[in-house]
Amino acid sequence: MNTANLQLKGLIMAMASLCDAIAEKELLTRGEIDAALSKAQRAIEEDDDHDLSGANQAAILFPIRVLQLAGEAGRKGKGATFSDYARLVGKLG
């Protein structure tokens, strides 16, 4: 696997843990974190300045979708591995 991919995998899981800590410390609610992630997703989807292929847009949205799934899991008191989240993102299409 490409080293950059491994670094991104670590960064995404670190961000998921940080989001959990932020929610647990009640700095933001899980709903507020999800709203921020949804806002980022919409900004990417609505970006007309770049003519991105569907695959490139999906690649950009991948970390946001993983963080959203991790937030859902945290809300339920569950966790998953990066591979679990990646598989779920793939099913979302």
Protein backbone atom coordinates (compact mmCIF):
# COMPACT_ATOMS: atom_id res chain seq x y z
CA MET A 1 0.00 0.00 0.00
CA ASN A 2 1.17 3.52 -0.76
CA THR A 3 2.72 5.27 2.26
CA ALA A 4 0.50 8.31 1.74
CA ASN A 5 -2.57 6.07 1.96
CA LEU A 6 -1.33 4.66 5.26
CA GLN A 7 -0.75 8.16 6.58
CA LEU A 8 -4.26 9.21 5.56
CA LYS A 9 -5.68 6.11 7.21
CA GLY A 10 -3.97 7.09 10.46
CA LEU A 11 -5.06 10.71 10.15
CA ILE A 12 -8.69 9.79 9.52
CA MET A 13 -8.80 7.47 12.53
CA ALA A 14 -7.07 10.13 14.67
CA MET A 15 -9.73 12.65 13.60
CA ALA A 16 -12.46 10.15 14.49
CA SER A 17 -10.95 9.81 17.98
CA LEU A 18 -10.70 13.58 18.33
CA CYS A 19 -14.35 13.97 17.32
CA ASP A 20 -15.29 11.42 19.99
CA ALA A 21 -13.26 13.32 22.60
CA ILE A 22 -14.85 16.63 21.59
CA ALA A 23 -18.32 15.10 21.98
CA GLU A 24 -17.45 13.37 25.27
CA LYS A 25 -16.15 16.66 26.72
CA GLU A 26 -19.35 18.30 25.48
CA LEU A 27 -17.44 20.95 23.54
CA LEU A 28 -19.70 20.12 20.60
CA THR A 29 -22.57 17.69 20.39
CA ARG A 30 -22.35 14.74 18.03
CA GLY A 31 -25.09 16.47 16.04
CA GLU A 32 -22.98 19.62 15.71
CA ILE A 33 -19.98 17.59 14.60
CA ASP A 34 -22.13 15.78 12.06
CA ALA A 35 -23.53 19.12 10.84
CA ALA A 36 -19.98 20.42 10.31
CA LEU A 37 -19.05 17.28 8.37
CA SER A 38 -22.24 17.56 6.30
CA LYS A 39 -21.38 21.19 5.54
CA ALA A 40 -17.95 20.12 4.29
CA GLN A 41 -19.55 17.40 2.18
CA ARG A 42 -22.01 19.85 0.61
CA ALA A 43 -19.20 22.31 -0.17
CA ILE A 44 -17.34 19.61 -2.07
CA GLU A 45 -20.45 18.41 -3.89
CA GLU A 46 -21.41 21.96 -4.90
CA ASP A 47 -17.90 23.01 -6.02
CA ASP A 48 -18.31 24.07 -9.66
CA ASP A 49 -14.74 25.40 -9.98
CA HIS A 50 -13.28 21.95 -10.52
CA ASP A 51 -14.46 19.45 -13.07
CA LEU A 52 -13.99 16.29 -11.03
CA SER A 53 -14.82 12.80 -12.13
CA GLY A 54 -17.20 10.84 -9.95
CA ALA A 55 -14.29 8.73 -8.72
CA ASN A 56 -12.26 11.80 -7.76
CA GLN A 57 -15.20 13.35 -5.94
CA ALA A 58 -15.81 10.06 -4.10
CA ALA A 59 -12.14 10.01 -3.09
CA ILE A 60 -12.38 13.53 -1.68
CA LEU A 61 -15.58 12.68 0.19
CA PHE A 62 -14.22 9.39 1.57
CA PRO A 63 -12.66 10.78 4.79
CA ILE A 64 -15.77 12.83 5.54
CA ARG A 65 -17.96 9.78 5.12
CA VAL A 66 -15.69 7.70 7.36
CA LEU A 67 -15.88 10.38 10.05
CA GLN A 68 -19.67 10.49 9.75
CA LEU A 69 -19.88 6.72 10.15
CA ALA A 70 -17.50 6.85 13.12
CA GLY A 71 -19.76 9.50 14.66
CA GLU A 72 -22.79 7.27 14.21
CA ALA A 73 -20.91 4.39 15.82
CA GLY A 74 -19.86 6.63 18.70
CA ARG A 75 -23.46 7.70 19.21
CA LYS A 76 -24.33 4.03 19.64
CA GLY A 77 -21.36 3.43 21.93
CA LYS A 78 -19.71 1.23 19.33
CA GLY A 79 -16.51 1.48 17.40
CA ALA A 80 -15.14 -0.12 14.28
CA THR A 81 -11.90 -0.48 12.42
CA PHE A 82 -10.84 1.62 9.47
CA SER A 83 -11.48 -1.40 7.22
CA ASP A 84 -15.02 -1.70 8.58
CA TYR A 85 -15.70 1.97 7.87
CA ALA A 86 -14.14 1.76 4.41
CA ARG A 87 -16.34 -1.20 3.55
CA LEU A 88 -19.43 0.70 4.71
CA VAL A 89 -18.47 3.79 2.70
CA GLY A 90 -18.10 1.56 -0.35
CA LYS A 91 -21.62 0.26 0.15
CA LEU A 92 -22.98 3.83 0.37
CA GLY A 93 -21.84 4.38 -3.21
